[in-house]
Amino acid sequence: MNKNIIRGLVAAGVLATVGAANAALPTEAATAITTAGTDLLSAIGMVIASMVAVWGLRKLGQKMGWL
């Protein structure tokens, strides 16, 4: 058999297994994963906002001659 055909069959088998495992998740687990994703996005947003604030204050300090 051709190597590409074998690789395609292996990839299809892996994707089928992943799809079956995802379908077996209870609704509580799916909700918890979604909630965790939302919490992580908001935490990342806060970290980026704080970094921008620190950068802005340093820039302001340089412009005003404080640093």
PDB file of N, CA and C in Angstrom:
ATOM      1  N   MET A   1       0.833  -1.187   0.000  1.00  0.00           N
ATOM      2  CA  MET A   1       0.000   0.000   0.000  1.00  0.00           C
ATOM      3  C   MET A   1       0.874   1.246   0.000  1.00  0.00           C
ATOM      4  N   ASN A   2       0.312   2.286  -0.485  1.00  0.00           N
ATOM      5  CA  ASN A   2       1.011   3.553  -0.540  1.00  0.00           C
ATOM      6  C   ASN A   2       1.095   4.149   0.875  1.00  0.00           C
ATOM      7  N   LYS A   3       2.206   4.814   1.179  1.00  0.00           N
ATOM      8  CA  LYS A   3       2.382   5.393   2.507  1.00  0.00           C
ATOM      9  C   LYS A   3       1.334   6.466   2.791  1.00  0.00           C
ATOM     10  N   ASN A   4       0.960   7.230   1.778  1.00  0.00           N
ATOM     11  CA  ASN A   4      -0.039   8.284   1.984  1.00  0.00           C
ATOM     12  C   ASN A   4      -1.401   7.707   2.339  1.00  0.00           C
ATOM     13  N   ILE A   5      -1.748   6.574   1.756  1.00  0.00           N
ATOM     14  CA  ILE A   5      -3.018   5.931   2.072  1.00  0.00           C
ATOM     15  C   ILE A   5      -3.004   5.442   3.512  1.00  0.00           C
ATOM     16  N   ILE A   6      -1.898   4.849   3.930  1.00  0.00           N
ATOM     17  CA  ILE A   6      -1.778   4.358   5.304  1.00  0.00           C
ATOM     18  C   ILE A   6      -1.860   5.525   6.290  1.00  0.00           C
ATOM     19  N   ARG A   7      -1.169   6.610   5.988  1.00  0.00           N
ATOM     20  CA  ARG A   7      -1.210   7.790   6.869  1.00  0.00           C
ATOM     21  C   ARG A   7      -2.633   8.349   6.947  1.00  0.00           C
ATOM     22  N   GLY A   8      -3.333   8.364   5.826  1.00  0.00           N
ATOM     23  CA  GLY A   8      -4.714   8.855   5.817  1.00  0.00           C
ATOM     24  C   GLY A   8      -5.626   7.983   6.656  1.00  0.00           C
ATOM     25  N   LEU A   9      -5.454   6.669   6.565  1.00  0.00           N
ATOM     26  CA  LEU A   9      -6.276   5.756   7.366  1.00  0.00           C
ATOM     27  C   LEU A   9      -5.987   5.910   8.851  1.00  0.00           C
ATOM     28  N   VAL A  10      -4.712   6.069   9.200  1.00  0.00           N
ATOM     29  CA  VAL A  10      -4.344   6.259  10.607  1.00  0.00           C
ATOM     30  C   VAL A  10      -4.930   7.573  11.128  1.00  0.00           C
ATOM     31  N   ALA A  11      -4.835   8.634  10.338  1.00  0.00           N
ATOM     32  CA  ALA A  11      -5.383   9.925  10.747  1.00  0.00           C
ATOM     33  C   ALA A  11      -6.898   9.837  10.908  1.00  0.00           C
ATOM     34  N   ALA A  12      -7.574   9.147  10.007  1.00  0.00           N
ATOM     35  CA  ALA A  12      -9.030   8.993  10.104  1.00  0.00           C
ATOM     36  C   ALA A  12      -9.397   8.210  11.362  1.00  0.00           C
ATOM     37  N   GLY A  13      -8.625   7.189  11.681  1.00  0.00           N
ATOM     38  CA  GLY A  13      -8.884   6.411  12.895  1.00  0.00           C
ATOM     39  C   GLY A  13      -8.699   7.234  14.155  1.00  0.00           C
ATOM     40  N   VAL A  14      -7.645   8.051  14.170  1.00  0.00           N
ATOM     41  CA  VAL A  14      -7.404   8.908  15.341  1.00  0.00           C
ATOM     42  C   VAL A  14      -8.522   9.926  15.494  1.00  0.00           C
ATOM     43  N   LEU A  15      -8.936  10.544  14.392  1.00  0.00           N
ATOM     44  CA  LEU A  15     -10.013  11.533  14.459  1.00  0.00           C
ATOM     45  C   LEU A  15     -11.329  10.895  14.880  1.00  0.00           C
ATOM     46  N   ALA A  16     -11.590   9.685  14.441  1.00  0.00           N
ATOM     47  CA  ALA A  16     -12.817   8.991  14.843  1.00  0.00           C
ATOM     48  C   ALA A  16     -12.796   8.690  16.331  1.00  0.00           C
ATOM     49  N   THR A  17     -11.632   8.325  16.860  1.00  0.00           N
ATOM     50  CA  THR A  17     -11.513   8.042  18.289  1.00  0.00           C
ATOM     51  C   THR A  17     -11.719   9.310  19.101  1.00  0.00           C
ATOM     52  N   VAL A  18     -11.131  10.417  18.653  1.00  0.00           N
ATOM     53  CA  VAL A  18     -11.287  11.680  19.363  1.00  0.00           C
ATOM     54  C   VAL A  18     -12.743  12.117  19.346  1.00  0.00           C
ATOM     55  N   GLY A  19     -13.408  11.966  18.225  1.00  0.00           N
ATOM     56  CA  GLY A  19     -14.816  12.341  18.132  1.00  0.00           C
ATOM     57  C   GLY A  19     -15.681  11.504  19.046  1.00  0.00           C
ATOM     58  N   ALA A  20     -15.407  10.226  19.153  1.00  0.00           N
ATOM     59  CA  ALA A  20     -16.174   9.356  20.026  1.00  0.00           C
ATOM     60  C   ALA A  20     -15.931   9.705  21.488  1.00  0.00           C
ATOM     61  N   ALA A  21     -14.702  10.031  21.844  1.00  0.00           N
ATOM     62  CA  ALA A  21     -14.388  10.388  23.225  1.00  0.00           C
ATOM     63  C   ALA A  21     -15.055  11.708  23.589  1.00  0.00           C
ATOM     64  N   ASN A  22     -15.111  12.643  22.663  1.00  0.00           N
ATOM     65  CA  ASN A  22     -15.737  13.933  22.938  1.00  0.00           C
ATOM     66  C   ASN A  22     -17.241  13.782  23.100  1.00  0.00           C
ATOM     67  N   ALA A  23     -17.850  12.883  22.344  1.00  0.00           N
ATOM     68  CA  ALA A  23     -19.291  12.701  22.417  1.00  0.00           C
ATOM     69  C   ALA A  23     -19.714  12.067  23.736  1.00  0.00           C
ATOM     70  N   ALA A  24     -18.799  11.362  24.415  1.00  0.00           N
ATOM     71  CA  ALA A  24     -19.144  10.673  25.642  1.00  0.00           C
ATOM     72  C   ALA A  24     -19.034  11.563  26.877  1.00  0.00           C
ATOM     73  N   LEU A  25     -18.621  12.835  26.720  1.00  0.00           N
ATOM     74  CA  LEU A  25     -18.500  13.715  27.881  1.00  0.00           C
ATOM     75  C   LEU A  25     -19.872  14.041  28.460  1.00  0.00           C
ATOM     76  N   PRO A  26     -19.978  14.014  29.776  1.00  0.00           N
ATOM     77  CA  PRO A  26     -21.240  14.455  30.381  1.00  0.00           C
ATOM     78  C   PRO A  26     -21.436  15.961  30.190  1.00  0.00           C
ATOM     79  N   THR A  27     -22.648  16.411  30.279  1.00  0.00           N
ATOM     80  CA  THR A  27     -22.927  17.828  30.064  1.00  0.00           C
ATOM     81  C   THR A  27     -22.262  18.693  31.131  1.00  0.00           C
ATOM     82  N   GLU A  28     -22.125  18.176  32.357  1.00  0.00           N
ATOM     83  CA  GLU A  28     -21.473  18.944  33.416  1.00  0.00           C
ATOM     84  C   GLU A  28     -20.011  19.191  33.084  1.00  0.00           C
ATOM     85  N   ALA A  29     -19.349  18.184  32.515  1.00  0.00           N
ATOM     86  CA  ALA A  29     -17.936  18.334  32.155  1.00  0.00           C
ATOM     87  C   ALA A  29     -17.779  19.330  31.008  1.00  0.00           C
ATOM     88  N   ALA A  30     -18.655  19.266  30.030  1.00  0.00           N
ATOM     89  CA  ALA A  30     -18.592  20.206  28.918  1.00  0.00           C
ATOM     90  C   ALA A  30     -18.840  21.633  29.394  1.00  0.00           C
ATOM     91  N   THR A  31     -19.779  21.799  30.330  1.00  0.00           N
ATOM     92  CA  THR A  31     -20.049  23.121  30.892  1.00  0.00           C
ATOM     93  C   THR A  31     -18.848  23.625  31.679  1.00  0.00           C
ATOM     94  N   ALA A  32     -18.210  22.746  32.447  1.00  0.00           N
ATOM     95  CA  ALA A  32     -17.034  23.143  33.229  1.00  0.00           C
ATOM     96  C   ALA A  32     -15.877  23.547  32.312  1.00  0.00           C
ATOM     97  N   ILE A  33     -15.700  22.840  31.213  1.00  0.00           N
ATOM     98  CA  ILE A  33     -14.633  23.181  30.265  1.00  0.00           C
ATOM     99  C   ILE A  33     -14.912  24.540  29.633  1.00  0.00           C
ATOM    100  N   THR A  34     -16.158  24.781  29.257  1.00  0.00           N
ATOM    101  CA  THR A  34     -16.521  26.065  28.667  1.00  0.00           C
ATOM    102  C   THR A  34     -16.326  27.199  29.668  1.00  0.00           C
ATOM    103  N   THR A  35     -16.724  26.974  30.914  1.00  0.00           N
ATOM    104  CA  THR A  35     -16.559  27.991  31.952  1.00  0.00           C
ATOM    105  C   THR A  35     -15.083  28.271  32.206  1.00  0.00           C
ATOM    106  N   ALA A  36     -14.273  27.224  32.243  1.00  0.00           N
ATOM    107  CA  ALA A  36     -12.835  27.414  32.452  1.00  0.00           C
ATOM    108  C   ALA A  36     -12.214  28.197  31.299  1.00  0.00           C
ATOM    109  N   GLY A  37     -12.649  27.929  30.088  1.00  0.00           N
ATOM    110  CA  GLY A  37     -12.146  28.672  28.937  1.00  0.00           C
ATOM    111  C   GLY A  37     -12.503  30.148  29.018  1.00  0.00           C
ATOM    112  N   THR A  38     -13.727  30.438  29.447  1.00  0.00           N
ATOM    113  CA  THR A  38     -14.146  31.830  29.602  1.00  0.00           C
ATOM    114  C   THR A  38     -13.343  32.525  30.691  1.00  0.00           C
ATOM    115  N   ASP A  39     -13.127  31.828  31.812  1.00  0.00           N
ATOM    116  CA  ASP A  39     -12.335  32.399  32.903  1.00  0.00           C
ATOM    117  C   ASP A  39     -10.896  32.652  32.471  1.00  0.00           C
ATOM    118  N   LEU A  40     -10.323  31.734  31.719  1.00  0.00           N
ATOM    119  CA  LEU A  40      -8.947  31.927  31.252  1.00  0.00           C
ATOM    120  C   LEU A  40      -8.844  33.098  30.297  1.00  0.00           C
ATOM    121  N   LEU A  41      -9.823  33.264  29.422  1.00  0.00           N
ATOM    122  CA  LEU A  41      -9.801  34.399  28.503  1.00  0.00           C
ATOM    123  C   LEU A  41      -9.875  35.726  29.254  1.00  0.00           C
ATOM    124  N   SER A  42     -10.711  35.792  30.276  1.00  0.00           N
ATOM    125  CA  SER A  42     -10.801  37.035  31.036  1.00  0.00           C
ATOM    126  C   SER A  42      -9.525  37.276  31.832  1.00  0.00           C
ATOM    127  N   ALA A  43      -8.914  36.228  32.367  1.00  0.00           N
ATOM    128  CA  ALA A  43      -7.651  36.387  33.103  1.00  0.00           C
ATOM    129  C   ALA A  43      -6.536  36.861  32.173  1.00  0.00           C
ATOM    130  N   ILE A  44      -6.477  36.303  30.979  1.00  0.00           N
ATOM    131  CA  ILE A  44      -5.459  36.726  30.014  1.00  0.00           C
ATOM    132  C   ILE A  44      -5.681  38.188  29.621  1.00  0.00           C
ATOM    133  N   GLY A  45      -6.935  38.568  29.447  1.00  0.00           N
ATOM    134  CA  GLY A  45      -7.247  39.960  29.133  1.00  0.00           C
ATOM    135  C   GLY A  45      -6.799  40.907  30.229  1.00  0.00           C
ATOM    136  N   MET A  46      -6.993  40.498  31.489  1.00  0.00           N
ATOM    137  CA  MET A  46      -6.562  41.335  32.609  1.00  0.00           C
ATOM    138  C   MET A  46      -5.044  41.463  32.663  1.00  0.00           C
ATOM    139  N   VAL A  47      -4.343  40.375  32.395  1.00  0.00           N
ATOM    140  CA  VAL A  47      -2.879  40.414  32.401  1.00  0.00           C
ATOM    141  C   VAL A  47      -2.377  41.344  31.293  1.00  0.00           C
ATOM    142  N   ILE A  48      -2.939  41.229  30.114  1.00  0.00           N
ATOM    143  CA  ILE A  48      -2.517  42.092  29.008  1.00  0.00           C
ATOM    144  C   ILE A  48      -2.833  43.552  29.321  1.00  0.00           C
ATOM    145  N   ALA A  49      -4.009  43.819  29.895  1.00  0.00           N
ATOM    146  CA  ALA A  49      -4.374  45.196  30.243  1.00  0.00           C
ATOM    147  C   ALA A  49      -3.419  45.766  31.283  1.00  0.00           C
ATOM    148  N   SER A  50      -3.025  44.966  32.262  1.00  0.00           N
ATOM    149  CA  SER A  50      -2.093  45.469  33.278  1.00  0.00           C
ATOM    150  C   SER A  50      -0.712  45.724  32.672  1.00  0.00           C
ATOM    151  N   MET A  51      -0.290  44.881  31.741  1.00  0.00           N
ATOM    152  CA  MET A  51       1.003  45.100  31.088  1.00  0.00           C
ATOM    153  C   MET A  51       0.980  46.380  30.257  1.00  0.00           C
ATOM    154  N   VAL A  52      -0.132  46.638  29.575  1.00  0.00           N
ATOM    155  CA  VAL A  52      -0.257  47.866  28.789  1.00  0.00           C
ATOM    156  C   VAL A  52      -0.265  49.079  29.709  1.00  0.00           C
ATOM    157  N   ALA A  53      -0.919  48.969  30.868  1.00  0.00           N
ATOM    158  CA  ALA A  53      -0.939  50.086  31.815  1.00  0.00           C
ATOM    159  C   ALA A  53       0.464  50.382  32.339  1.00  0.00           C
ATOM    160  N   VAL A  54       1.215  49.351  32.679  1.00  0.00           N
ATOM    161  CA  VAL A  54       2.594  49.554  33.153  1.00  0.00           C
ATOM    162  C   VAL A  54       3.441  50.170  32.051  1.00  0.00           C
ATOM    163  N   TRP A  55       3.293  49.672  30.823  1.00  0.00           N
ATOM    164  CA  TRP A  55       4.041  50.231  29.696  1.00  0.00           C
ATOM    165  C   TRP A  55       3.698  51.699  29.497  1.00  0.00           C
ATOM    166  N   GLY A  56       2.413  52.034  29.578  1.00  0.00           N
ATOM    167  CA  GLY A  56       1.984  53.416  29.403  1.00  0.00           C
ATOM    168  C   GLY A  56       2.519  54.333  30.489  1.00  0.00           C
ATOM    169  N   LEU A  57       2.516  53.851  31.727  1.00  0.00           N
ATOM    170  CA  LEU A  57       3.048  54.668  32.818  1.00  0.00           C
ATOM    171  C   LEU A  57       4.549  54.875  32.679  1.00  0.00           C
ATOM    172  N   ARG A  58       5.260  53.843  32.244  1.00  0.00           N
ATOM    173  CA  ARG A  58       6.702  54.012  32.023  1.00  0.00           C
ATOM    174  C   ARG A  58       6.969  54.998  30.897  1.00  0.00           C
ATOM    175  N   LYS A  59       6.181  54.906  29.835  1.00  0.00           N
ATOM    176  CA  LYS A  59       6.339  55.834  28.718  1.00  0.00           C
ATOM    177  C   LYS A  59       6.053  57.266  29.176  1.00  0.00           C
ATOM    178  N   LEU A  60       5.004  57.436  29.964  1.00  0.00           N
ATOM    179  CA  LEU A  60       4.666  58.749  30.492  1.00  0.00           C
ATOM    180  C   LEU A  60       5.789  59.278  31.383  1.00  0.00           C
ATOM    181  N   GLY A  61       6.348  58.394  32.209  1.00  0.00           N
ATOM    182  CA  GLY A  61       7.448  58.795  33.074  1.00  0.00           C
ATOM    183  C   GLY A  61       8.671  59.223  32.282  1.00  0.00           C
ATOM    184  N   GLN A  62       8.928  58.535  31.190  1.00  0.00           N
ATOM    185  CA  GLN A  62      10.070  58.928  30.345  1.00  0.00           C
ATOM    186  C   GLN A  62       9.819  60.275  29.682  1.00  0.00           C
ATOM    187  N   LYS A  63       8.602  60.503  29.214  1.00  0.00           N
ATOM    188  CA  LYS A  63       8.287  61.754  28.547  1.00  0.00           C
ATOM    189  C   LYS A  63       8.325  62.941  29.517  1.00  0.00           C
ATOM    190  N   MET A  64       7.910  62.692  30.771  1.00  0.00           N
ATOM    191  CA  MET A  64       7.867  63.758  31.767  1.00  0.00           C
ATOM    192  C   MET A  64       9.208  63.936  32.479  1.00  0.00           C
ATOM    193  N   GLY A  65      10.174  63.039  32.227  1.00  0.00           N
ATOM    194  CA  GLY A  65      11.486  63.152  32.839  1.00  0.00           C
ATOM    195  C   GLY A  65      11.562  62.571  34.235  1.00  0.00           C
ATOM    196  N   TRP A  66      10.595  61.733  34.612  1.00  0.00           N
ATOM    197  CA  TRP A  66      10.626  61.133  35.939  1.00  0.00           C
ATOM    198  C   TRP A  66      11.540  59.917  35.987  1.00  0.00           C
ATOM    199  N   LEU A  67      11.772  59.277  34.870  1.00  0.00           N
ATOM    200  CA  LEU A  67      12.606  58.062  34.836  1.00  0.00           C
ATOM    201  C   LEU A  67      13.880  58.307  34.074  1.00  0.00           C
TER     202      LEU A  67
END
